[in-house]
PDB file of N, CA and C in Angstrom:
ATOM      1  N   MET A   1      20.106 -40.871 122.298  1.00  0.00           N
ATOM      2  CA  MET A   1      20.001 -41.933 121.328  1.00  0.00           C
ATOM      3  C   MET A   1      21.321 -42.700 121.269  1.00  0.00           C
ATOM      4  N   GLU A   2      21.236 -43.990 121.250  1.00  0.00           N
ATOM      5  CA  GLU A   2      22.425 -44.842 121.193  1.00  0.00           C
ATOM      6  C   GLU A   2      23.038 -44.801 119.797  1.00  0.00           C
ATOM      7  N   ASN A   3      24.369 -44.765 119.734  1.00  0.00           N
ATOM      8  CA  ASN A   3      25.080 -44.734 118.463  1.00  0.00           C
ATOM      9  C   ASN A   3      25.229 -46.156 117.932  1.00  0.00           C
ATOM     10  N   VAL A   4      24.262 -46.593 117.141  1.00  0.00           N
ATOM     11  CA  VAL A   4      24.276 -47.932 116.564  1.00  0.00           C
ATOM     12  C   VAL A   4      25.262 -47.940 115.406  1.00  0.00           C
ATOM     13  N   VAL A   5      26.106 -48.957 115.351  1.00  0.00           N
ATOM     14  CA  VAL A   5      27.114 -49.057 114.310  1.00  0.00           C
ATOM     15  C   VAL A   5      26.869 -50.319 113.489  1.00  0.00           C
ATOM     16  N   LEU A   6      26.914 -50.156 112.178  1.00  0.00           N
ATOM     17  CA  LEU A   6      26.814 -51.283 111.267  1.00  0.00           C
ATOM     18  C   LEU A   6      28.198 -51.565 110.718  1.00  0.00           C
ATOM     19  N   GLU A   7      28.623 -52.827 110.792  1.00  0.00           N
ATOM     20  CA  GLU A   7      29.904 -53.229 110.240  1.00  0.00           C
ATOM     21  C   GLU A   7      29.665 -54.154 109.053  1.00  0.00           C
ATOM     22  N   GLU A   8      30.382 -53.890 107.965  1.00  0.00           N
ATOM     23  CA  GLU A   8      30.290 -54.717 106.766  1.00  0.00           C
ATOM     24  C   GLU A   8      31.678 -55.276 106.447  1.00  0.00           C
ATOM     25  N   PHE A   9      31.721 -56.537 106.116  1.00  0.00           N
ATOM     26  CA  PHE A   9      32.939 -57.181 105.635  1.00  0.00           C
ATOM     27  C   PHE A   9      32.605 -57.705 104.237  1.00  0.00           C
ATOM     28  N   LEU A  10      33.185 -57.083 103.223  1.00  0.00           N
ATOM     29  CA  LEU A  10      32.822 -57.403 101.849  1.00  0.00           C
ATOM     30  C   LEU A  10      34.011 -57.963 101.081  1.00  0.00           C
ATOM     31  N   TRP A  11      33.761 -58.991 100.278  1.00  0.00           N
ATOM     32  CA  TRP A  11      34.755 -59.477  99.323  1.00  0.00           C
ATOM     33  C   TRP A  11      34.414 -58.841  97.982  1.00  0.00           C
ATOM     34  N   CYS A  12      35.357 -58.148  97.394  1.00  0.00           N
ATOM     35  CA  CYS A  12      35.175 -57.485  96.107  1.00  0.00           C
ATOM     36  C   CYS A  12      35.975 -58.250  95.065  1.00  0.00           C
ATOM     37  N   GLN A  13      35.312 -59.168  94.394  1.00  0.00           N
ATOM     38  CA  GLN A  13      35.949 -60.080  93.448  1.00  0.00           C
ATOM     39  C   GLN A  13      36.752 -59.336  92.381  1.00  0.00           C
ATOM     40  N   GLY A  14      36.141 -58.364  91.722  1.00  0.00           N
ATOM     41  CA  GLY A  14      36.803 -57.656  90.628  1.00  0.00           C
ATOM     42  C   GLY A  14      38.013 -56.855  91.049  1.00  0.00           C
ATOM     43  N   ASP A  15      38.053 -56.463  92.326  1.00  0.00           N
ATOM     44  CA  ASP A  15      39.180 -55.689  92.843  1.00  0.00           C
ATOM     45  C   ASP A  15      40.141 -56.544  93.664  1.00  0.00           C
ATOM     46  N   ASP A  16      39.789 -57.817  93.840  1.00  0.00           N
ATOM     47  CA  ASP A  16      40.635 -58.779  94.566  1.00  0.00           C
ATOM     48  C   ASP A  16      41.001 -58.278  95.953  1.00  0.00           C
ATOM     49  N   ARG A  17      39.970 -57.870  96.705  1.00  0.00           N
ATOM     50  CA  ARG A  17      40.241 -57.380  98.056  1.00  0.00           C
ATOM     51  C   ARG A  17      39.028 -57.551  98.962  1.00  0.00           C
ATOM     52  N   TYR A  18      39.342 -57.633 100.258  1.00  0.00           N
ATOM     53  CA  TYR A  18      38.314 -57.518 101.280  1.00  0.00           C
ATOM     54  C   TYR A  18      38.255 -56.059 101.708  1.00  0.00           C
ATOM     55  N   VAL A  19      37.048 -55.588 102.023  1.00  0.00           N
ATOM     56  CA  VAL A  19      36.854 -54.227 102.494  1.00  0.00           C
ATOM     57  C   VAL A  19      36.041 -54.278 103.784  1.00  0.00           C
ATOM     58  N   TYR A  20      36.500 -53.536 104.774  1.00  0.00           N
ATOM     59  CA  TYR A  20      35.779 -53.366 106.041  1.00  0.00           C
ATOM     60  C   TYR A  20      35.178 -51.968 106.031  1.00  0.00           C
ATOM     61  N   ILE A  21      33.877 -51.881 106.295  1.00  0.00           N
ATOM     62  CA  ILE A  21      33.173 -50.602 106.332  1.00  0.00           C
ATOM     63  C   ILE A  21      32.433 -50.506 107.659  1.00  0.00           C
ATOM     64  N   ARG A  22      32.627 -49.401 108.348  1.00  0.00           N
ATOM     65  CA  ARG A  22      31.864 -49.139 109.577  1.00  0.00           C
ATOM     66  C   ARG A  22      31.021 -47.889 109.349  1.00  0.00           C
ATOM     67  N   ARG A  23      29.738 -48.001 109.706  1.00  0.00           N
ATOM     68  CA  ARG A  23      28.797 -46.891 109.529  1.00  0.00           C
ATOM     69  C   ARG A  23      28.222 -46.482 110.883  1.00  0.00           C
ATOM     70  N   ASP A  24      27.856 -45.211 110.985  1.00  0.00           N
ATOM     71  CA  ASP A  24      27.187 -44.745 112.193  1.00  0.00           C
ATOM     72  C   ASP A  24      25.682 -44.940 112.051  1.00  0.00           C
ATOM     73  N   TYR A  25      24.930 -44.507 113.039  1.00  0.00           N
ATOM     74  CA  TYR A  25      23.487 -44.746 113.041  1.00  0.00           C
ATOM     75  C   TYR A  25      22.770 -44.003 111.917  1.00  0.00           C
ATOM     76  N   ASN A  26      23.418 -43.013 111.304  1.00  0.00           N
ATOM     77  CA  ASN A  26      22.842 -42.317 110.152  1.00  0.00           C
ATOM     78  C   ASN A  26      23.160 -43.002 108.827  1.00  0.00           C
ATOM     79  N   GLY A  27      23.992 -44.036 108.889  1.00  0.00           N
ATOM     80  CA  GLY A  27      24.408 -44.713 107.668  1.00  0.00           C
ATOM     81  C   GLY A  27      25.655 -44.122 107.034  1.00  0.00           C
ATOM     82  N   ASP A  28      26.227 -43.114 107.678  1.00  0.00           N
ATOM     83  CA  ASP A  28      27.438 -42.486 107.156  1.00  0.00           C
ATOM     84  C   ASP A  28      28.658 -43.354 107.440  1.00  0.00           C
ATOM     85  N   ILE A  29      29.577 -43.397 106.501  1.00  0.00           N
ATOM     86  CA  ILE A  29      30.799 -44.173 106.671  1.00  0.00           C
ATOM     87  C   ILE A  29      31.719 -43.445 107.640  1.00  0.00           C
ATOM     88  N   VAL A  30      32.063 -44.132 108.727  1.00  0.00           N
ATOM     89  CA  VAL A  30      32.942 -43.549 109.739  1.00  0.00           C
ATOM     90  C   VAL A  30      34.272 -44.295 109.837  1.00  0.00           C
ATOM     91  N   GLY A  31      34.421 -45.363 109.065  1.00  0.00           N
ATOM     92  CA  GLY A  31      35.680 -46.098 109.096  1.00  0.00           C
ATOM     93  C   GLY A  31      35.797 -47.075 107.951  1.00  0.00           C
ATOM     94  N   LEU A  32      37.031 -47.215 107.454  1.00  0.00           N
ATOM     95  CA  LEU A  32      37.334 -48.158 106.380  1.00  0.00           C
ATOM     96  C   LEU A  32      38.647 -48.864 106.673  1.00  0.00           C
ATOM     97  N   ASN A  33      38.782 -50.033 106.095  1.00  0.00           N
ATOM     98  CA  ASN A  33      40.051 -50.746 106.044  1.00  0.00           C
ATOM     99  C   ASN A  33      39.931 -51.741 104.900  1.00  0.00           C
ATOM    100  N   PHE A  34      41.068 -52.257 104.447  1.00  0.00           N
ATOM    101  CA  PHE A  34      41.032 -53.226 103.357  1.00  0.00           C
ATOM    102  C   PHE A  34      42.306 -54.051 103.358  1.00  0.00           C
ATOM    103  N   MET A  35      42.241 -55.158 102.647  1.00  0.00           N
ATOM    104  CA  MET A  35      43.425 -55.972 102.398  1.00  0.00           C
ATOM    105  C   MET A  35      43.295 -56.561 101.009  1.00  0.00           C
ATOM    106  N   GLN A  36      44.360 -56.396 100.254  1.00  0.00           N
ATOM    107  CA  GLN A  36      44.407 -56.916  98.897  1.00  0.00           C
ATOM    108  C   GLN A  36      44.669 -58.412  98.941  1.00  0.00           C
ATOM    109  N   GLY A  37      44.002 -59.167  98.089  1.00  0.00           N
ATOM    110  CA  GLY A  37      44.255 -60.601  97.971  1.00  0.00           C
ATOM    111  C   GLY A  37      43.291 -61.445  98.780  1.00  0.00           C
ATOM    112  N   GLN A  38      43.323 -62.736  98.481  1.00  0.00           N
ATOM    113  CA  GLN A  38      42.415 -63.693  99.101  1.00  0.00           C
ATOM    114  C   GLN A  38      43.076 -64.334 100.321  1.00  0.00           C
ATOM    115  N   VAL A  39      42.860 -63.732 101.465  1.00  0.00           N
ATOM    116  CA  VAL A  39      43.456 -64.227 102.697  1.00  0.00           C
ATOM    117  C   VAL A  39      42.463 -65.026 103.531  1.00  0.00           C
ATOM    118  N   GLY A  40      41.216 -64.970 103.176  1.00  0.00           N
ATOM    119  CA  GLY A  40      40.178 -65.620 103.963  1.00  0.00           C
ATOM    120  C   GLY A  40      39.510 -64.622 104.883  1.00  0.00           C
ATOM    121  N   LEU A  41      38.219 -64.760 105.026  1.00  0.00           N
ATOM    122  CA  LEU A  41      37.435 -63.813 105.808  1.00  0.00           C
ATOM    123  C   LEU A  41      37.828 -63.811 107.282  1.00  0.00           C
ATOM    124  N   ALA A  42      38.065 -64.976 107.863  1.00  0.00           N
ATOM    125  CA  ALA A  42      38.421 -65.039 109.290  1.00  0.00           C
ATOM    126  C   ALA A  42      39.711 -64.266 109.561  1.00  0.00           C
ATOM    127  N   TYR A  43      40.712 -64.453 108.710  1.00  0.00           N
ATOM    128  CA  TYR A  43      41.982 -63.734 108.863  1.00  0.00           C
ATOM    129  C   TYR A  43      41.751 -62.235 108.708  1.00  0.00           C
ATOM    130  N   PHE A  44      40.994 -61.854 107.691  1.00  0.00           N
ATOM    131  CA  PHE A  44      40.721 -60.440 107.456  1.00  0.00           C
ATOM    132  C   PHE A  44      40.027 -59.807 108.662  1.00  0.00           C
ATOM    133  N   LYS A  45      39.001 -60.459 109.171  1.00  0.00           N
ATOM    134  CA  LYS A  45      38.283 -59.915 110.325  1.00  0.00           C
ATOM    135  C   LYS A  45      39.197 -59.743 111.535  1.00  0.00           C
ATOM    136  N   GLU A  46      40.052 -60.733 111.770  1.00  0.00           N
ATOM    137  CA  GLU A  46      40.934 -60.684 112.941  1.00  0.00           C
ATOM    138  C   GLU A  46      41.996 -59.593 112.815  1.00  0.00           C
ATOM    139  N   HIS A  47      42.582 -59.434 111.638  1.00  0.00           N
ATOM    140  CA  HIS A  47      43.723 -58.531 111.479  1.00  0.00           C
ATOM    141  C   HIS A  47      43.375 -57.176 110.866  1.00  0.00           C
ATOM    142  N   TYR A  48      42.252 -57.085 110.177  1.00  0.00           N
ATOM    143  CA  TYR A  48      41.895 -55.841 109.488  1.00  0.00           C
ATOM    144  C   TYR A  48      40.486 -55.370 109.823  1.00  0.00           C
ATOM    145  N   GLY A  49      39.833 -56.017 110.759  1.00  0.00           N
ATOM    146  CA  GLY A  49      38.479 -55.653 111.149  1.00  0.00           C
ATOM    147  C   GLY A  49      38.473 -54.492 112.116  1.00  0.00           C
ATOM    148  N   LYS A  50      39.201 -53.463 111.757  1.00  0.00           N
ATOM    149  CA  LYS A  50      39.283 -52.246 112.562  1.00  0.00           C
ATOM    150  C   LYS A  50      39.509 -51.083 111.604  1.00  0.00           C
ATOM    151  N   ILE A  51      39.250 -49.892 112.068  1.00  0.00           N
ATOM    152  CA  ILE A  51      39.362 -48.702 111.235  1.00  0.00           C
ATOM    153  C   ILE A  51      40.828 -48.352 111.007  1.00  0.00           C
ATOM    154  N   ASP A  52      41.163 -48.103 109.743  1.00  0.00           N
ATOM    155  CA  ASP A  52      42.448 -47.496 109.392  1.00  0.00           C
ATOM    156  C   ASP A  52      42.153 -46.016 109.197  1.00  0.00           C
ATOM    157  N   ARG A  53      42.589 -45.201 110.129  1.00  0.00           N
ATOM    158  CA  ARG A  53      42.240 -43.776 110.121  1.00  0.00           C
ATOM    159  C   ARG A  53      42.781 -43.053 108.889  1.00  0.00           C
ATOM    160  N   ASP A  54      43.990 -43.405 108.440  1.00  0.00           N
ATOM    161  CA  ASP A  54      44.556 -42.749 107.257  1.00  0.00           C
ATOM    162  C   ASP A  54      43.727 -43.055 106.013  1.00  0.00           C
ATOM    163  N   VAL A  55      43.374 -44.311 105.823  1.00  0.00           N
ATOM    164  CA  VAL A  55      42.543 -44.705 104.675  1.00  0.00           C
ATOM    165  C   VAL A  55      41.184 -44.011 104.755  1.00  0.00           C
ATOM    166  N   THR A  56      40.602 -43.973 105.942  1.00  0.00           N
ATOM    167  CA  THR A  56      39.294 -43.342 106.133  1.00  0.00           C
ATOM    168  C   THR A  56      39.352 -41.856 105.818  1.00  0.00           C
ATOM    169  N   HIS A  57      40.371 -41.167 106.318  1.00  0.00           N
ATOM    170  CA  HIS A  57      40.515 -39.735 106.044  1.00  0.00           C
ATOM    171  C   HIS A  57      40.720 -39.489 104.547  1.00  0.00           C
ATOM    172  N   PHE A  58      41.528 -40.330 103.905  1.00  0.00           N
ATOM    173  CA  PHE A  58      41.754 -40.204 102.472  1.00  0.00           C
ATOM    174  C   PHE A  58      40.439 -40.371 101.711  1.00  0.00           C
ATOM    175  N   TYR A  59      39.672 -41.393 102.049  1.00  0.00           N
ATOM    176  CA  TYR A  59      38.386 -41.617 101.389  1.00  0.00           C
ATOM    177  C   TYR A  59      37.488 -40.382 101.497  1.00  0.00           C
ATOM    178  N   HIS A  60      37.389 -39.835 102.694  1.00  0.00           N
ATOM    179  CA  HIS A  60      36.522 -38.669 102.874  1.00  0.00           C
ATOM    180  C   HIS A  60      37.047 -37.451 102.115  1.00  0.00           C
ATOM    181  N   ALA A  61      38.358 -37.359 101.933  1.00  0.00           N
ATOM    182  CA  ALA A  61      38.937 -36.239 101.196  1.00  0.00           C
ATOM    183  C   ALA A  61      38.652 -36.324  99.696  1.00  0.00           C
ATOM    184  N   VAL A  62      38.570 -37.539  99.151  1.00  0.00           N
ATOM    185  CA  VAL A  62      38.410 -37.689  97.699  1.00  0.00           C
ATOM    186  C   VAL A  62      36.998 -38.092  97.264  1.00  0.00           C
ATOM    187  N   LYS A  63      36.142 -38.473  98.186  1.00  0.00           N
ATOM    188  CA  LYS A  63      34.848 -39.042  97.793  1.00  0.00           C
ATOM    189  C   LYS A  63      33.989 -38.090  96.985  1.00  0.00           C
ATOM    190  N   SER A  64      34.106 -36.791  97.203  1.00  0.00           N
ATOM    191  CA  SER A  64      33.285 -35.854  96.420  1.00  0.00           C
ATOM    192  C   SER A  64      33.756 -35.778  94.967  1.00  0.00           C
ATOM    193  N   SER A  65      34.968 -36.246  94.698  1.00  0.00           N
ATOM    194  CA  SER A  65      35.486 -36.268  93.323  1.00  0.00           C
ATOM    195  C   SER A  65      35.150 -37.560  92.597  1.00  0.00           C
ATOM    196  N   ILE A  66      34.584 -38.518  93.319  1.00  0.00           N
ATOM    197  CA  ILE A  66      34.255 -39.824  92.756  1.00  0.00           C
ATOM    198  C   ILE A  66      32.737 -39.961  92.766  1.00  0.00           C
ATOM    199  N   ASN A  67      32.185 -40.316  91.640  1.00  0.00           N
ATOM    200  CA  ASN A  67      30.741 -40.556  91.597  1.00  0.00           C
ATOM    201  C   ASN A  67      30.463 -41.628  90.557  1.00  0.00           C
ATOM    202  N   GLU A  68      30.773 -42.857  90.927  1.00  0.00           N
ATOM    203  CA  GLU A  68      30.585 -43.987  90.022  1.00  0.00           C
ATOM    204  C   GLU A  68      29.160 -44.535  90.108  1.00  0.00           C
ATOM    205  N   GLY A  69      28.402 -44.076  91.106  1.00  0.00           N
ATOM    206  CA  GLY A  69      27.005 -44.462  91.197  1.00  0.00           C
ATOM    207  C   GLY A  69      26.685 -45.541  92.218  1.00  0.00           C
ATOM    208  N   CYS A  70      27.698 -46.210  92.723  1.00  0.00           N
ATOM    209  CA  CYS A  70      27.497 -47.280  93.707  1.00  0.00           C
ATOM    210  C   CYS A  70      28.525 -47.085  94.815  1.00  0.00           C
ATOM    211  N   TYR A  71      28.088 -47.115  96.061  1.00  0.00           N
ATOM    212  CA  TYR A  71      28.993 -46.797  97.155  1.00  0.00           C
ATOM    213  C   TYR A  71      30.212 -47.703  97.204  1.00  0.00           C
ATOM    214  N   ILE A  72      30.074 -48.995  96.926  1.00  0.00           N
ATOM    215  CA  ILE A  72      31.230 -49.884  97.011  1.00  0.00           C
ATOM    216  C   ILE A  72      32.183 -49.633  95.840  1.00  0.00           C
ATOM    217  N   THR A  73      31.644 -49.268  94.692  1.00  0.00           N
ATOM    218  CA  THR A  73      32.505 -48.895  93.564  1.00  0.00           C
ATOM    219  C   THR A  73      33.268 -47.621  93.888  1.00  0.00           C
ATOM    220  N   ASP A  74      32.592 -46.656  94.487  1.00  0.00           N
ATOM    221  CA  ASP A  74      33.260 -45.422  94.908  1.00  0.00           C
ATOM    222  C   ASP A  74      34.359 -45.708  95.926  1.00  0.00           C
ATOM    223  N   ILE A  75      34.068 -46.562  96.889  1.00  0.00           N
ATOM    224  CA  ILE A  75      35.069 -46.917  97.893  1.00  0.00           C
ATOM    225  C   ILE A  75      36.265 -47.596  97.228  1.00  0.00           C
ATOM    226  N   ASN A  76      36.012 -48.552  96.337  1.00  0.00           N
ATOM    227  CA  ASN A  76      37.114 -49.245  95.677  1.00  0.00           C
ATOM    228  C   ASN A  76      37.933 -48.313  94.798  1.00  0.00           C
ATOM    229  N   THR A  77      37.299 -47.356  94.147  1.00  0.00           N
ATOM    230  CA  THR A  77      38.043 -46.358  93.375  1.00  0.00           C
ATOM    231  C   THR A  77      38.964 -45.566  94.294  1.00  0.00           C
ATOM    232  N   ALA A  78      38.437 -45.147  95.441  1.00  0.00           N
ATOM    233  CA  ALA A  78      39.270 -44.424  96.410  1.00  0.00           C
ATOM    234  C   ALA A  78      40.405 -45.300  96.931  1.00  0.00           C
ATOM    235  N   LEU A  79      40.137 -46.586  97.142  1.00  0.00           N
ATOM    236  CA  LEU A  79      41.190 -47.479  97.636  1.00  0.00           C
ATOM    237  C   LEU A  79      42.279 -47.692  96.584  1.00  0.00           C
ATOM    238  N   TRP A  80      41.907 -47.737  95.302  1.00  0.00           N
ATOM    239  CA  TRP A  80      42.935 -47.817  94.254  1.00  0.00           C
ATOM    240  C   TRP A  80      43.760 -46.539  94.237  1.00  0.00           C
ATOM    241  N   MET A  81      43.102 -45.404  94.429  1.00  0.00           N
ATOM    242  CA  MET A  81      43.831 -44.129  94.500  1.00  0.00           C
ATOM    243  C   MET A  81      44.778 -44.127  95.703  1.00  0.00           C
ATOM    244  N   TRP A  82      44.293 -44.609  96.837  1.00  0.00           N
ATOM    245  CA  TRP A  82      45.114 -44.696  98.045  1.00  0.00           C
ATOM    246  C   TRP A  82      46.333 -45.580  97.809  1.00  0.00           C
ATOM    247  N   SER A  83      46.121 -46.726  97.163  1.00  0.00           N
ATOM    248  CA  SER A  83      47.227 -47.651  96.892  1.00  0.00           C
ATOM    249  C   SER A  83      48.265 -47.006  95.987  1.00  0.00           C
ATOM    250  N   SER A  84      47.808 -46.311  94.951  1.00  0.00           N
ATOM    251  CA  SER A  84      48.738 -45.620  94.059  1.00  0.00           C
ATOM    252  C   SER A  84      49.516 -44.545  94.805  1.00  0.00           C
ATOM    253  N   TYR A  85      48.808 -43.789  95.629  1.00  0.00           N
ATOM    254  CA  TYR A  85      49.457 -42.755  96.436  1.00  0.00           C
ATOM    255  C   TYR A  85      50.487 -43.366  97.381  1.00  0.00           C
ATOM    256  N   SER A  86      50.107 -44.421  98.067  1.00  0.00           N
ATOM    257  CA  SER A  86      51.013 -45.064  99.031  1.00  0.00           C
ATOM    258  C   SER A  86      52.266 -45.606  98.348  1.00  0.00           C
ATOM    259  N   MET A  87      52.085 -46.235  97.181  1.00  0.00           N
ATOM    260  CA  MET A  87      53.239 -46.774  96.455  1.00  0.00           C
ATOM    261  C   MET A  87      54.119 -45.666  95.906  1.00  0.00           C
ATOM    262  N   SER A  88      53.538 -44.538  95.529  1.00  0.00           N
ATOM    263  CA  SER A  88      54.330 -43.440  94.972  1.00  0.00           C
ATOM    264  C   SER A  88      55.265 -42.839  96.012  1.00  0.00           C
ATOM    265  N   LYS A  89      54.905 -42.941  97.289  1.00  0.00           N
ATOM    266  CA  LYS A  89      55.776 -42.424  98.346  1.00  0.00           C
ATOM    267  C   LYS A  89      57.072 -43.211  98.433  1.00  0.00           C
ATOM    268  N   GLU A  90      57.057 -44.452  97.941  1.00  0.00           N
ATOM    269  CA  GLU A  90      58.242 -45.300  97.972  1.00  0.00           C
ATOM    270  C   GLU A  90      59.130 -45.094  96.742  1.00  0.00           C
ATOM    271  N   ASP A  91      58.620 -44.396  95.742  1.00  0.00           N
ATOM    272  CA  ASP A  91      59.331 -44.208  94.480  1.00  0.00           C
ATOM    273  C   ASP A  91      60.170 -42.938  94.545  1.00  0.00           C
ATOM    274  N   PRO A  92      61.502 -43.059  94.555  1.00  0.00           N
ATOM    275  CA  PRO A  92      62.343 -41.857  94.684  1.00  0.00           C
ATOM    276  C   PRO A  92      62.210 -40.903  93.500  1.00  0.00           C
ATOM    277  N   ILE A  93      61.727 -41.379  92.376  1.00  0.00           N
ATOM    278  CA  ILE A  93      61.578 -40.531  91.190  1.00  0.00           C
ATOM    279  C   ILE A  93      60.517 -39.457  91.421  1.00  0.00           C
ATOM    280  N   THR A  94      59.550 -39.728  92.266  1.00  0.00           N
ATOM    281  CA  THR A  94      58.469 -38.766  92.473  1.00  0.00           C
ATOM    282  C   THR A  94      58.859 -37.644  93.410  1.00  0.00           C
ATOM    283  N   TYR A  95      60.004 -37.732  94.068  1.00  0.00           N
ATOM    284  CA  TYR A  95      60.414 -36.708  95.019  1.00  0.00           C
ATOM    285  C   TYR A  95      61.374 -35.720  94.376  1.00  0.00           C
ATOM    286  N   VAL A  96      61.188 -34.473  94.702  1.00  0.00           N
ATOM    287  CA  VAL A  96      62.106 -33.437  94.257  1.00  0.00           C
ATOM    288  C   VAL A  96      62.612 -32.749  95.508  1.00  0.00           C
ATOM    289  N   ASP A  97      63.897 -32.736  95.672  1.00  0.00           N
ATOM    290  CA  ASP A  97      64.489 -32.094  96.852  1.00  0.00           C
ATOM    291  C   ASP A  97      64.798 -30.643  96.599  1.00  0.00           C
TER     292      ASP A  97
END
Protein backbone atom coordinates (compact mmCIF):
# COMPACT_ATOMS: atom_id res chain seq x y z
CA MET A 1 0.00 0.00 0.00
CA GLU A 2 1.30 3.44 -0.91
CA ASN A 3 1.98 5.83 1.98
CA VAL A 4 -0.37 8.70 1.09
CA VAL A 5 0.47 11.91 2.93
CA LEU A 6 -1.90 14.78 3.63
CA GLU A 7 -0.35 18.20 4.17
CA GLU A 8 -2.24 21.03 5.85
CA PHE A 9 -1.22 24.67 6.00
CA LEU A 10 -3.43 26.43 8.53
CA TRP A 11 -3.67 30.04 9.68
CA CYS A 12 -4.69 30.13 13.35
CA GLN A 13 -6.05 33.63 13.90
CA GLY A 14 -6.41 33.44 17.69
CA ASP A 15 -2.87 32.13 18.10
CA ASP A 16 -1.37 34.43 15.44
CA ARG A 17 0.51 31.66 13.68
CA TYR A 18 0.69 29.43 10.67
CA VAL A 19 0.84 25.69 11.36
CA TYR A 20 2.09 22.98 9.01
CA ILE A 21 0.69 19.49 9.65
CA ARG A 22 1.71 16.33 7.81
CA ARG A 23 -0.35 13.16 8.24
CA ASP A 24 0.25 9.59 7.14
CA TYR A 25 -2.29 7.43 5.32
CA ASN A 26 -3.90 6.53 8.67
CA GLY A 27 -4.48 10.19 9.48
CA ASP A 28 -1.85 10.19 12.21
CA ILE A 29 0.26 13.31 12.61
CA VAL A 30 3.81 12.54 11.51
CA GLY A 31 5.16 16.08 11.29
CA LEU A 32 4.59 19.63 12.50
CA ASN A 33 6.08 23.06 12.02
CA PHE A 34 4.90 26.58 12.73
CA MET A 35 5.76 30.25 12.50
CA GLN A 36 4.44 32.96 14.74
CA GLY A 37 3.06 36.09 13.07
CA GLN A 38 1.56 37.05 9.74
CA VAL A 39 4.27 36.39 7.19
CA GLY A 40 2.02 35.31 4.35
CA LEU A 41 1.18 31.81 3.25
CA ALA A 42 3.64 31.70 0.33
CA TYR A 43 6.55 32.62 2.61
CA PHE A 44 5.43 30.12 5.24
CA LYS A 45 5.13 27.29 2.71
CA GLU A 46 8.56 28.02 1.24
CA HIS A 47 10.46 28.38 4.53
CA TYR A 48 8.43 26.32 7.02
CA GLY A 49 6.61 23.80 4.83
CA LYS A 50 8.73 20.99 6.19
CA ILE A 51 8.79 18.91 9.36
CA ASP A 52 10.53 20.30 12.43
CA ARG A 53 11.51 17.06 14.14
CA ASP A 54 12.03 18.65 17.58
CA VAL A 55 8.58 20.28 17.56
CA THR A 56 7.03 17.03 16.30
CA HIS A 57 8.70 14.93 18.99
CA PHE A 58 7.65 17.44 21.66
CA TYR A 59 4.04 17.35 20.45
CA HIS A 60 3.94 13.56 20.61
CA ALA A 61 5.47 13.62 24.10
CA VAL A 62 2.83 15.99 25.53
CA LYS A 63 -0.28 15.25 23.45
CA SER A 64 -1.65 12.67 25.90
CA SER A 65 -1.65 15.40 28.57
CA ILE A 66 -3.68 17.75 26.37
CA ASN A 67 -7.32 17.10 25.60
CA GLU A 68 -9.01 20.32 24.54
CA GLY A 69 -11.36 18.43 22.24
CA CYS A 70 -10.16 19.71 18.86
CA TYR A 71 -6.96 18.57 17.19
CA ILE A 72 -5.85 22.06 16.12
CA THR A 73 -6.50 23.43 19.61
CA ASP A 74 -4.45 20.57 21.04
CA ILE A 75 -1.65 21.29 18.58
CA ASN A 76 -1.68 25.01 19.39
CA THR A 77 -1.60 24.27 23.13
CA ALA A 78 1.45 22.08 22.56
CA LEU A 79 3.06 24.79 20.42
CA TRP A 80 2.55 27.37 23.20
CA MET A 81 4.16 24.90 25.60
CA TRP A 82 7.03 24.40 23.14
CA SER A 83 7.51 28.17 22.82
CA SER A 84 7.60 28.60 26.60
CA TYR A 85 10.07 25.74 26.91
CA SER A 86 12.28 27.11 24.14
CA MET A 87 12.33 30.61 25.65
CA SER A 88 13.08 29.26 29.13
CA LYS A 89 16.31 27.72 27.82
CA GLU A 90 17.52 31.26 27.12
CA ASP A 91 16.71 32.48 30.64
CA PRO A 92 19.74 32.07 32.94
CA ILE A 93 17.47 32.21 36.00
CA THR A 94 16.02 28.80 35.16
CA TYR A 95 19.41 27.08 35.25
CA VAL A 96 21.03 25.75 38.38
CA ASP A 97 24.66 24.75 38.14
